[in-house]
PDB file of N, CA and C in Angstrom:
ATOM      1  N   MET A   1     -20.342  -0.850  -7.411  1.00  0.00           N
ATOM      2  CA  MET A   1     -20.609  -0.068  -6.214  1.00  0.00           C
ATOM      3  C   MET A   1     -21.088  -0.966  -5.078  1.00  0.00           C
ATOM      4  N   GLU A   2     -21.985  -1.871  -5.394  1.00  0.00           N
ATOM      5  CA  GLU A   2     -22.516  -2.794  -4.394  1.00  0.00           C
ATOM      6  C   GLU A   2     -21.405  -3.711  -3.882  1.00  0.00           C
ATOM      7  N   ALA A   3     -20.515  -4.131  -4.787  1.00  0.00           N
ATOM      8  CA  ALA A   3     -19.416  -5.012  -4.394  1.00  0.00           C
ATOM      9  C   ALA A   3     -18.480  -4.297  -3.420  1.00  0.00           C
ATOM     10  N   ALA A   4     -18.226  -3.027  -3.666  1.00  0.00           N
ATOM     11  CA  ALA A   4     -17.360  -2.252  -2.778  1.00  0.00           C
ATOM     12  C   ALA A   4     -17.982  -2.126  -1.388  1.00  0.00           C
ATOM     13  N   LYS A   5     -19.288  -1.937  -1.351  1.00  0.00           N
ATOM     14  CA  LYS A   5     -19.992  -1.814  -0.064  1.00  0.00           C
ATOM     15  C   LYS A   5     -19.892  -3.120   0.721  1.00  0.00           C
ATOM     16  N   ILE A   6     -20.067  -4.231   0.040  1.00  0.00           N
ATOM     17  CA  ILE A   6     -19.982  -5.539   0.691  1.00  0.00           C
ATOM     18  C   ILE A   6     -18.560  -5.787   1.185  1.00  0.00           C
ATOM     19  N   LEU A   7     -17.580  -5.449   0.363  1.00  0.00           N
ATOM     20  CA  LEU A   7     -16.186  -5.624   0.749  1.00  0.00           C
ATOM     21  C   LEU A   7     -15.872  -4.833   2.013  1.00  0.00           C
ATOM     22  N   MET A   8     -16.344  -3.602   2.111  1.00  0.00           N
ATOM     23  CA  MET A   8     -16.114  -2.782   3.311  1.00  0.00           C
ATOM     24  C   MET A   8     -16.778  -3.399   4.534  1.00  0.00           C
ATOM     25  N   GLU A   9     -17.989  -3.916   4.362  1.00  0.00           N
ATOM     26  CA  GLU A   9     -18.692  -4.543   5.491  1.00  0.00           C
ATOM     27  C   GLU A   9     -17.931  -5.766   5.985  1.00  0.00           C
ATOM     28  N   VAL A  10     -17.415  -6.551   5.066  1.00  0.00           N
ATOM     29  CA  VAL A  10     -16.672  -7.751   5.446  1.00  0.00           C
ATOM     30  C   VAL A  10     -15.362  -7.372   6.135  1.00  0.00           C
ATOM     31  N   SER A  11     -14.656  -6.401   5.600  1.00  0.00           N
ATOM     32  CA  SER A  11     -13.366  -6.031   6.189  1.00  0.00           C
ATOM     33  C   SER A  11     -13.520  -5.401   7.563  1.00  0.00           C
ATOM     34  N   GLU A  12     -14.652  -4.756   7.819  1.00  0.00           N
ATOM     35  CA  GLU A  12     -14.878  -4.127   9.127  1.00  0.00           C
ATOM     36  C   GLU A  12     -15.550  -5.067  10.116  1.00  0.00           C
ATOM     37  N   SER A  13     -15.978  -6.207   9.654  1.00  0.00           N
ATOM     38  CA  SER A  13     -16.677  -7.156  10.510  1.00  0.00           C
ATOM     39  C   SER A  13     -15.717  -7.794  11.501  1.00  0.00           C
ATOM     40  N   ASN A  14     -16.237  -8.171  12.652  1.00  0.00           N
ATOM     41  CA  ASN A  14     -15.422  -8.855  13.640  1.00  0.00           C
ATOM     42  C   ASN A  14     -15.830 -10.319  13.761  1.00  0.00           C
ATOM     43  N   LYS A  15     -16.414 -10.859  12.709  1.00  0.00           N
ATOM     44  CA  LYS A  15     -16.832 -12.260  12.704  1.00  0.00           C
ATOM     45  C   LYS A  15     -16.064 -13.020  11.644  1.00  0.00           C
ATOM     46  N   LEU A  16     -15.733 -14.257  11.983  1.00  0.00           N
ATOM     47  CA  LEU A  16     -15.074 -15.162  11.057  1.00  0.00           C
ATOM     48  C   LEU A  16     -15.841 -16.463  11.100  1.00  0.00           C
ATOM     49  N   MET A  17     -16.405 -16.833   9.982  1.00  0.00           N
ATOM     50  CA  MET A  17     -17.224 -18.044   9.888  1.00  0.00           C
ATOM     51  C   MET A  17     -18.321 -18.034  10.949  1.00  0.00           C
ATOM     52  N   GLY A  18     -18.898 -16.857  11.190  1.00  0.00           N
ATOM     53  CA  GLY A  18     -20.012 -16.717  12.119  1.00  0.00           C
ATOM     54  C   GLY A  18     -19.601 -16.557  13.564  1.00  0.00           C
ATOM     55  N   GLU A  19     -18.317 -16.687  13.879  1.00  0.00           N
ATOM     56  CA  GLU A  19     -17.865 -16.546  15.261  1.00  0.00           C
ATOM     57  C   GLU A  19     -17.166 -15.197  15.436  1.00  0.00           C
ATOM     58  N   VAL A  20     -17.397 -14.574  16.605  1.00  0.00           N
ATOM     59  CA  VAL A  20     -16.786 -13.289  16.896  1.00  0.00           C
ATOM     60  C   VAL A  20     -15.298 -13.496  17.170  1.00  0.00           C
ATOM     61  N   ILE A  21     -14.476 -12.669  16.537  1.00  0.00           N
ATOM     62  CA  ILE A  21     -13.031 -12.714  16.769  1.00  0.00           C
ATOM     63  C   ILE A  21     -12.560 -11.356  17.247  1.00  0.00           C
ATOM     64  N   ASN A  22     -11.454 -11.339  17.923  1.00  0.00           N
ATOM     65  CA  ASN A  22     -10.866 -10.079  18.383  1.00  0.00           C
ATOM     66  C   ASN A  22      -9.781  -9.676  17.397  1.00  0.00           C
ATOM     67  N   LYS A  23     -10.032  -8.591  16.689  1.00  0.00           N
ATOM     68  CA  LYS A  23      -9.025  -8.077  15.767  1.00  0.00           C
ATOM     69  C   LYS A  23      -8.011  -7.279  16.564  1.00  0.00           C
ATOM     70  N   PRO A  24      -6.742  -7.386  16.175  1.00  0.00           N
ATOM     71  CA  PRO A  24      -5.747  -6.561  16.872  1.00  0.00           C
ATOM     72  C   PRO A  24      -6.042  -5.081  16.629  1.00  0.00           C
ATOM     73  N   LYS A  25      -5.834  -4.300  17.678  1.00  0.00           N
ATOM     74  CA  LYS A  25      -6.088  -2.865  17.559  1.00  0.00           C
ATOM     75  C   LYS A  25      -5.033  -2.232  16.672  1.00  0.00           C
ATOM     76  N   LYS A  26      -5.465  -1.272  15.875  1.00  0.00           N
ATOM     77  CA  LYS A  26      -4.533  -0.547  15.022  1.00  0.00           C
ATOM     78  C   LYS A  26      -3.695   0.376  15.890  1.00  0.00           C
ATOM     79  N   GLN A  27      -2.404   0.400  15.579  1.00  0.00           N
ATOM     80  CA  GLN A  27      -1.521   1.286  16.327  1.00  0.00           C
ATOM     81  C   GLN A  27      -1.741   2.718  15.868  1.00  0.00           C
ATOM     82  N   LYS A  28      -1.613   3.609  16.813  1.00  0.00           N
ATOM     83  CA  LYS A  28      -1.740   5.022  16.479  1.00  0.00           C
ATOM     84  C   LYS A  28      -0.562   5.432  15.615  1.00  0.00           C
ATOM     85  N   ALA A  29      -0.835   6.308  14.688  1.00  0.00           N
ATOM     86  CA  ALA A  29       0.229   6.803  13.818  1.00  0.00           C
ATOM     87  C   ALA A  29       1.215   7.612  14.656  1.00  0.00           C
ATOM     88  N   LYS A  30       2.494   7.391  14.390  1.00  0.00           N
ATOM     89  CA  LYS A  30       3.522   8.139  15.114  1.00  0.00           C
ATOM     90  C   LYS A  30       3.548   9.561  14.605  1.00  0.00           C
ATOM     91  N   GLU A  31       3.873  10.455  15.507  1.00  0.00           N
ATOM     92  CA  GLU A  31       4.027  11.848  15.098  1.00  0.00           C
ATOM     93  C   GLU A  31       5.260  11.949  14.220  1.00  0.00           C
ATOM     94  N   PRO A  32       5.190  12.753  13.177  1.00  0.00           N
ATOM     95  CA  PRO A  32       6.368  12.878  12.321  1.00  0.00           C
ATOM     96  C   PRO A  32       7.544  13.446  13.108  1.00  0.00           C
ATOM     97  N   THR A  33       8.699  12.885  12.850  1.00  0.00           N
ATOM     98  CA  THR A  33       9.910  13.325  13.529  1.00  0.00           C
ATOM     99  C   THR A  33      10.344  14.668  12.967  1.00  0.00           C
ATOM    100  N   LYS A  34      10.699  15.563  13.871  1.00  0.00           N
ATOM    101  CA  LYS A  34      11.166  16.868  13.418  1.00  0.00           C
ATOM    102  C   LYS A  34      12.573  16.709  12.865  1.00  0.00           C
ATOM    103  N   LEU A  35      12.748  17.181  11.639  1.00  0.00           N
ATOM    104  CA  LEU A  35      14.041  17.056  10.982  1.00  0.00           C
ATOM    105  C   LEU A  35      14.991  18.156  11.445  1.00  0.00           C
ATOM    106  N   ILE A  36      16.242  17.801  11.535  1.00  0.00           N
ATOM    107  CA  ILE A  36      17.275  18.764  11.922  1.00  0.00           C
ATOM    108  C   ILE A  36      17.639  19.632  10.725  1.00  0.00           C
ATOM    109  N   PHE A  37      17.803  18.982   9.574  1.00  0.00           N
ATOM    110  CA  PHE A  37      18.178  19.691   8.357  1.00  0.00           C
ATOM    111  C   PHE A  37      16.958  19.845   7.461  1.00  0.00           C
ATOM    112  N   ASP A  38      16.867  20.965   6.802  1.00  0.00           N
ATOM    113  CA  ASP A  38      15.813  21.213   5.833  1.00  0.00           C
ATOM    114  C   ASP A  38      15.946  20.191   4.701  1.00  0.00           C
ATOM    115  N   THR A  39      14.826  19.684   4.176  1.00  0.00           N
ATOM    116  CA  THR A  39      14.886  18.665   3.128  1.00  0.00           C
ATOM    117  C   THR A  39      15.572  19.189   1.862  1.00  0.00           C
ATOM    118  N   VAL A  40      15.379  20.444   1.538  1.00  0.00           N
ATOM    119  CA  VAL A  40      16.034  21.027   0.360  1.00  0.00           C
ATOM    120  C   VAL A  40      17.543  21.074   0.587  1.00  0.00           C
ATOM    121  N   GLN A  41      17.926  21.448   1.788  1.00  0.00           N
ATOM    122  CA  GLN A  41      19.341  21.514   2.154  1.00  0.00           C
ATOM    123  C   GLN A  41      19.977  20.112   2.078  1.00  0.00           C
ATOM    124  N   MET A  42      19.276  19.109   2.603  1.00  0.00           N
ATOM    125  CA  MET A  42      19.780  17.740   2.594  1.00  0.00           C
ATOM    126  C   MET A  42      19.905  17.219   1.161  1.00  0.00           C
ATOM    127  N   LYS A  43      18.869  17.463   0.374  1.00  0.00           N
ATOM    128  CA  LYS A  43      18.882  17.008  -1.022  1.00  0.00           C
ATOM    129  C   LYS A  43      20.034  17.655  -1.786  1.00  0.00           C
ATOM    130  N   GLY A  44      20.236  18.931  -1.566  1.00  0.00           N
ATOM    131  CA  GLY A  44      21.329  19.643  -2.227  1.00  0.00           C
ATOM    132  C   GLY A  44      22.685  19.081  -1.844  1.00  0.00           C
ATOM    133  N   ALA A  45      22.862  18.764  -0.571  1.00  0.00           N
ATOM    134  CA  ALA A  45      24.146  18.219  -0.106  1.00  0.00           C
ATOM    135  C   ALA A  45      24.390  16.833  -0.703  1.00  0.00           C
ATOM    136  N   ILE A  46      23.336  16.019  -0.805  1.00  0.00           N
ATOM    137  CA  ILE A  46      23.483  14.683  -1.391  1.00  0.00           C
ATOM    138  C   ILE A  46      23.808  14.795  -2.877  1.00  0.00           C
ATOM    139  N   GLU A  47      23.100  15.679  -3.577  1.00  0.00           N
ATOM    140  CA  GLU A  47      23.371  15.868  -5.009  1.00  0.00           C
ATOM    141  C   GLU A  47      24.798  16.373  -5.229  1.00  0.00           C
ATOM    142  N   SER A  48      25.241  17.264  -4.374  1.00  0.00           N
ATOM    143  CA  SER A  48      26.607  17.778  -4.472  1.00  0.00           C
ATOM    144  C   SER A  48      27.615  16.652  -4.259  1.00  0.00           C
ATOM    145  N   ALA A  49      27.360  15.807  -3.280  1.00  0.00           N
ATOM    146  CA  ALA A  49      28.258  14.684  -3.005  1.00  0.00           C
ATOM    147  C   ALA A  49      28.299  13.718  -4.184  1.00  0.00           C
ATOM    148  N   LEU A  50      27.151  13.489  -4.798  1.00  0.00           N
ATOM    149  CA  LEU A  50      27.095  12.562  -5.941  1.00  0.00           C
ATOM    150  C   LEU A  50      27.911  13.056  -7.131  1.00  0.00           C
ATOM    151  N   THR A  51      28.003  14.375  -7.289  1.00  0.00           N
ATOM    152  CA  THR A  51      28.750  14.917  -8.426  1.00  0.00           C
ATOM    153  C   THR A  51      30.256  14.725  -8.284  1.00  0.00           C
ATOM    154  N   LYS A  52      30.709  14.407  -7.092  1.00  0.00           N
ATOM    155  CA  LYS A  52      32.147  14.253  -6.861  1.00  0.00           C
ATOM    156  C   LYS A  52      32.670  12.885  -7.289  1.00  0.00           C
ATOM    157  N   TYR A  53      31.777  11.993  -7.682  1.00  0.00           N
ATOM    158  CA  TYR A  53      32.175  10.653  -8.103  1.00  0.00           C
ATOM    159  C   TYR A  53      31.694  10.427  -9.527  1.00  0.00           C
ATOM    160  N   ASP A  54      32.651  10.301 -10.435  1.00  0.00           N
ATOM    161  CA  ASP A  54      32.339  10.183 -11.859  1.00  0.00           C
ATOM    162  C   ASP A  54      31.716   8.849 -12.235  1.00  0.00           C
ATOM    163  N   SER A  55      32.201   7.778 -11.694  1.00  0.00           N
ATOM    164  CA  SER A  55      31.734   6.468 -12.137  1.00  0.00           C
ATOM    165  C   SER A  55      31.139   5.669 -10.975  1.00  0.00           C
ATOM    166  N   LEU A  56      29.946   6.036 -10.596  1.00  0.00           N
ATOM    167  CA  LEU A  56      29.263   5.298  -9.536  1.00  0.00           C
ATOM    168  C   LEU A  56      28.978   3.862  -9.963  1.00  0.00           C
ATOM    169  N   GLU A  57      28.803   3.659 -11.276  1.00  0.00           N
ATOM    170  CA  GLU A  57      28.518   2.311 -11.781  1.00  0.00           C
ATOM    171  C   GLU A  57      29.610   1.330 -11.386  1.00  0.00           C
ATOM    172  N   SER A  58      30.845   1.785 -11.392  1.00  0.00           N
ATOM    173  CA  SER A  58      31.950   0.872 -11.063  1.00  0.00           C
ATOM    174  C   SER A  58      31.815   0.352  -9.629  1.00  0.00           C
ATOM    175  N   PHE A  59      31.307   1.178  -8.721  1.00  0.00           N
ATOM    176  CA  PHE A  59      31.101   0.730  -7.346  1.00  0.00           C
ATOM    177  C   PHE A  59      30.030  -0.363  -7.293  1.00  0.00           C
ATOM    178  N   PHE A  60      28.972  -0.191  -8.092  1.00  0.00           N
ATOM    179  CA  PHE A  60      27.898  -1.174  -8.101  1.00  0.00           C
ATOM    180  C   PHE A  60      28.334  -2.473  -8.763  1.00  0.00           C
ATOM    181  N   VAL A  61      29.071  -2.353  -9.864  1.00  0.00           N
ATOM    182  CA  VAL A  61      29.551  -3.541 -10.584  1.00  0.00           C
ATOM    183  C   VAL A  61      30.481  -4.360  -9.693  1.00  0.00           C
ATOM    184  N   GLN A  62      31.284  -3.677  -8.915  1.00  0.00           N
ATOM    185  CA  GLN A  62      32.246  -4.355  -8.039  1.00  0.00           C
ATOM    186  C   GLN A  62      31.654  -4.683  -6.665  1.00  0.00           C
ATOM    187  N   ASN A  63      30.353  -4.497  -6.526  1.00  0.00           N
ATOM    188  CA  ASN A  63      29.641  -4.790  -5.269  1.00  0.00           C
ATOM    189  C   ASN A  63      30.242  -4.009  -4.095  1.00  0.00           C
ATOM    190  N   ARG A  64      30.491  -2.716  -4.328  1.00  0.00           N
ATOM    191  CA  ARG A  64      31.071  -1.845  -3.303  1.00  0.00           C
ATOM    192  C   ARG A  64      30.077  -0.752  -2.907  1.00  0.00           C
ATOM    193  N   MET A  65      28.792  -1.122  -2.784  1.00  0.00           N
ATOM    194  CA  MET A  65      27.757  -0.148  -2.449  1.00  0.00           C
ATOM    195  C   MET A  65      27.968   0.468  -1.061  1.00  0.00           C
ATOM    196  N   LYS A  66      28.369  -0.365  -0.119  1.00  0.00           N
ATOM    197  CA  LYS A  66      28.581   0.145   1.242  1.00  0.00           C
ATOM    198  C   LYS A  66      29.694   1.198   1.244  1.00  0.00           C
ATOM    199  N   GLU A  67      30.723   0.943   0.462  1.00  0.00           N
ATOM    200  CA  GLU A  67      31.840   1.886   0.387  1.00  0.00           C
ATOM    201  C   GLU A  67      31.396   3.230  -0.185  1.00  0.00           C
ATOM    202  N   ILE A  68      30.640   3.209  -1.280  1.00  0.00           N
ATOM    203  CA  ILE A  68      30.194   4.483  -1.875  1.00  0.00           C
ATOM    204  C   ILE A  68      29.219   5.196  -0.943  1.00  0.00           C
ATOM    205  N   CYS A  69      28.382   4.440  -0.238  1.00  0.00           N
ATOM    206  CA  CYS A  69      27.475   5.072   0.737  1.00  0.00           C
ATOM    207  C   CYS A  69      28.265   5.788   1.824  1.00  0.00           C
ATOM    208  N   ASN A  70      29.302   5.134   2.326  1.00  0.00           N
ATOM    209  CA  ASN A  70      30.130   5.755   3.368  1.00  0.00           C
ATOM    210  C   ASN A  70      30.838   7.007   2.851  1.00  0.00           C
ATOM    211  N   LEU A  71      31.316   6.948   1.622  1.00  0.00           N
ATOM    212  CA  LEU A  71      31.960   8.121   1.035  1.00  0.00           C
ATOM    213  C   LEU A  71      30.972   9.277   0.882  1.00  0.00           C
ATOM    214  N   LEU A  72      29.757   8.961   0.428  1.00  0.00           N
ATOM    215  CA  LEU A  72      28.727   9.996   0.274  1.00  0.00           C
ATOM    216  C   LEU A  72      28.320  10.578   1.621  1.00  0.00           C
ATOM    217  N   ILE A  73      28.207   9.724   2.621  1.00  0.00           N
ATOM    218  CA  ILE A  73      27.850  10.196   3.975  1.00  0.00           C
ATOM    219  C   ILE A  73      28.904  11.183   4.472  1.00  0.00           C
ATOM    220  N   GLU A  74      30.171  10.867   4.275  1.00  0.00           N
ATOM    221  CA  GLU A  74      31.244  11.764   4.719  1.00  0.00           C
ATOM    222  C   GLU A  74      31.178  13.105   3.992  1.00  0.00           C
ATOM    223  N   GLU A  75      30.898  13.072   2.684  1.00  0.00           N
ATOM    224  CA  GLU A  75      30.767  14.316   1.907  1.00  0.00           C
ATOM    225  C   GLU A  75      29.606  15.166   2.422  1.00  0.00           C
ATOM    226  N   VAL A  76      28.472  14.517   2.689  1.00  0.00           N
ATOM    227  CA  VAL A  76      27.292  15.245   3.169  1.00  0.00           C
ATOM    228  C   VAL A  76      27.566  15.815   4.560  1.00  0.00           C
ATOM    229  N   LYS A  77      28.243  15.053   5.408  1.00  0.00           N
ATOM    230  CA  LYS A  77      28.600  15.550   6.749  1.00  0.00           C
ATOM    231  C   LYS A  77      29.458  16.810   6.632  1.00  0.00           C
ATOM    232  N   GLU A  78      30.430  16.781   5.718  1.00  0.00           N
ATOM    233  CA  GLU A  78      31.303  17.945   5.545  1.00  0.00           C
ATOM    234  C   GLU A  78      30.510  19.180   5.129  1.00  0.00           C
ATOM    235  N   ASP A  79      29.456  18.979   4.340  1.00  0.00           N
ATOM    236  CA  ASP A  79      28.628  20.100   3.896  1.00  0.00           C
ATOM    237  C   ASP A  79      27.675  20.592   4.986  1.00  0.00           C
ATOM    238  N   LEU A  80      27.067  19.671   5.713  1.00  0.00           N
ATOM    239  CA  LEU A  80      25.968  20.053   6.606  1.00  0.00           C
ATOM    240  C   LEU A  80      26.356  20.283   8.068  1.00  0.00           C
ATOM    241  N   MET A  81      27.328  19.562   8.567  1.00  0.00           N
ATOM    242  CA  MET A  81      27.652  19.687   9.993  1.00  0.00           C
ATOM    243  C   MET A  81      28.077  21.109  10.397  1.00  0.00           C
ATOM    244  N   PRO A  82      28.796  21.850   9.540  1.00  0.00           N
ATOM    245  CA  PRO A  82      29.134  23.223   9.932  1.00  0.00           C
ATOM    246  C   PRO A  82      27.906  24.133  10.059  1.00  0.00           C
ATOM    247  N   THR A  83      26.788  23.761   9.464  1.00  0.00           N
ATOM    248  CA  THR A  83      25.586  24.589   9.530  1.00  0.00           C
ATOM    249  C   THR A  83      24.708  24.243  10.733  1.00  0.00           C
ATOM    250  N   LEU A  84      25.141  23.288  11.537  1.00  0.00           N
ATOM    251  CA  LEU A  84      24.358  22.786  12.660  1.00  0.00           C
ATOM    252  C   LEU A  84      24.191  23.845  13.753  1.00  0.00           C
ATOM    253  N   ALA A  85      22.971  23.986  14.235  1.00  0.00           N
ATOM    254  CA  ALA A  85      22.718  24.918  15.339  1.00  0.00           C
ATOM    255  C   ALA A  85      23.397  24.403  16.604  1.00  0.00           C
ATOM    256  N   GLU A  86      23.739  25.302  17.483  1.00  0.00           N
ATOM    257  CA  GLU A  86      24.475  24.943  18.700  1.00  0.00           C
ATOM    258  C   GLU A  86      23.695  24.021  19.623  1.00  0.00           C
ATOM    259  N   ASP A  87      22.373  24.146  19.642  1.00  0.00           N
ATOM    260  CA  ASP A  87      21.563  23.367  20.575  1.00  0.00           C
ATOM    261  C   ASP A  87      21.216  21.967  20.064  1.00  0.00           C
ATOM    262  N   VAL A  88      21.685  21.607  18.868  1.00  0.00           N
ATOM    263  CA  VAL A  88      21.376  20.310  18.290  1.00  0.00           C
ATOM    264  C   VAL A  88      22.447  19.302  18.702  1.00  0.00           C
ATOM    265  N   ILE A  89      22.007  18.108  19.050  1.00  0.00           N
ATOM    266  CA  ILE A  89      22.925  17.044  19.429  1.00  0.00           C
ATOM    267  C   ILE A  89      23.574  16.493  18.152  1.00  0.00           C
ATOM    268  N   LYS A  90      24.891  16.477  18.137  1.00  0.00           N
ATOM    269  CA  LYS A  90      25.625  16.067  16.929  1.00  0.00           C
ATOM    270  C   LYS A  90      25.267  14.654  16.494  1.00  0.00           C
ATOM    271  N   GLN A  91      25.105  13.737  17.433  1.00  0.00           N
ATOM    272  CA  GLN A  91      24.777  12.348  17.081  1.00  0.00           C
ATOM    273  C   GLN A  91      23.429  12.255  16.375  1.00  0.00           C
ATOM    274  N   ASP A  92      22.484  13.095  16.776  1.00  0.00           N
ATOM    275  CA  ASP A  92      21.178  13.112  16.101  1.00  0.00           C
ATOM    276  C   ASP A  92      21.325  13.595  14.660  1.00  0.00           C
ATOM    277  N   ALA A  93      22.167  14.594  14.465  1.00  0.00           N
ATOM    278  CA  ALA A  93      22.397  15.124  13.120  1.00  0.00           C
ATOM    279  C   ALA A  93      23.084  14.077  12.240  1.00  0.00           C
ATOM    280  N   ILE A  94      24.057  13.378  12.794  1.00  0.00           N
ATOM    281  CA  ILE A  94      24.758  12.334  12.048  1.00  0.00           C
ATOM    282  C   ILE A  94      23.805  11.208  11.697  1.00  0.00           C
ATOM    283  N   ARG A  95      22.941  10.834  12.628  1.00  0.00           N
ATOM    284  CA  ARG A  95      21.954   9.782  12.381  1.00  0.00           C
ATOM    285  C   ARG A  95      21.016  10.186  11.237  1.00  0.00           C
ATOM    286  N   GLU A  96      20.596  11.449  11.236  1.00  0.00           N
ATOM    287  CA  GLU A  96      19.701  11.929  10.169  1.00  0.00           C
ATOM    288  C   GLU A  96      20.409  11.889   8.810  1.00  0.00           C
ATOM    289  N   ILE A  97      21.670  12.267   8.780  1.00  0.00           N
ATOM    290  CA  ILE A  97      22.443  12.201   7.530  1.00  0.00           C
ATOM    291  C   ILE A  97      22.576  10.750   7.067  1.00  0.00           C
ATOM    292  N   ASN A  98      22.930   9.861   7.983  1.00  0.00           N
ATOM    293  CA  ASN A  98      23.078   8.442   7.629  1.00  0.00           C
ATOM    294  C   ASN A  98      21.783   7.867   7.075  1.00  0.00           C
ATOM    295  N   ASN A  99      20.674   8.226   7.671  1.00  0.00           N
ATOM    296  CA  ASN A  99      19.378   7.709   7.221  1.00  0.00           C
ATOM    297  C   ASN A  99      18.944   8.313   5.892  1.00  0.00           C
ATOM    298  N   SER A 100      19.395   9.513   5.612  1.00  0.00           N
ATOM    299  CA  SER A 100      18.995  10.190   4.379  1.00  0.00           C
ATOM    300  C   SER A 100      19.797   9.724   3.170  1.00  0.00           C
ATOM    301  N   VAL A 101      21.063   9.414   3.405  1.00  0.00           N
ATOM    302  CA  VAL A 101      21.913   8.960   2.289  1.00  0.00           C
ATOM    303  C   VAL A 101      21.616   7.498   2.065  1.00  0.00           C
TER     304      VAL A 101
END
């Protein structure tokens, strides 16, 4: 317990070898980005896309990960893009799909 207290004091201190130093300020946490697609909906679309490929291992063995990712992205787009609300920017939706897969 005493060791933990000392560790906290040292980590919060602004001195190094007895001299005052300026620690960089911590950046404020970013606000969470509002998702276009519900996480359950996205997960379901990805799982559905994965079921369409029987031997994913062959893609990995042949070092074709980028190819399988692109195929999965296209499958997920086919599932989710028709459900897109009219006021949503399509490029934002595509970016969210790309980042999720």
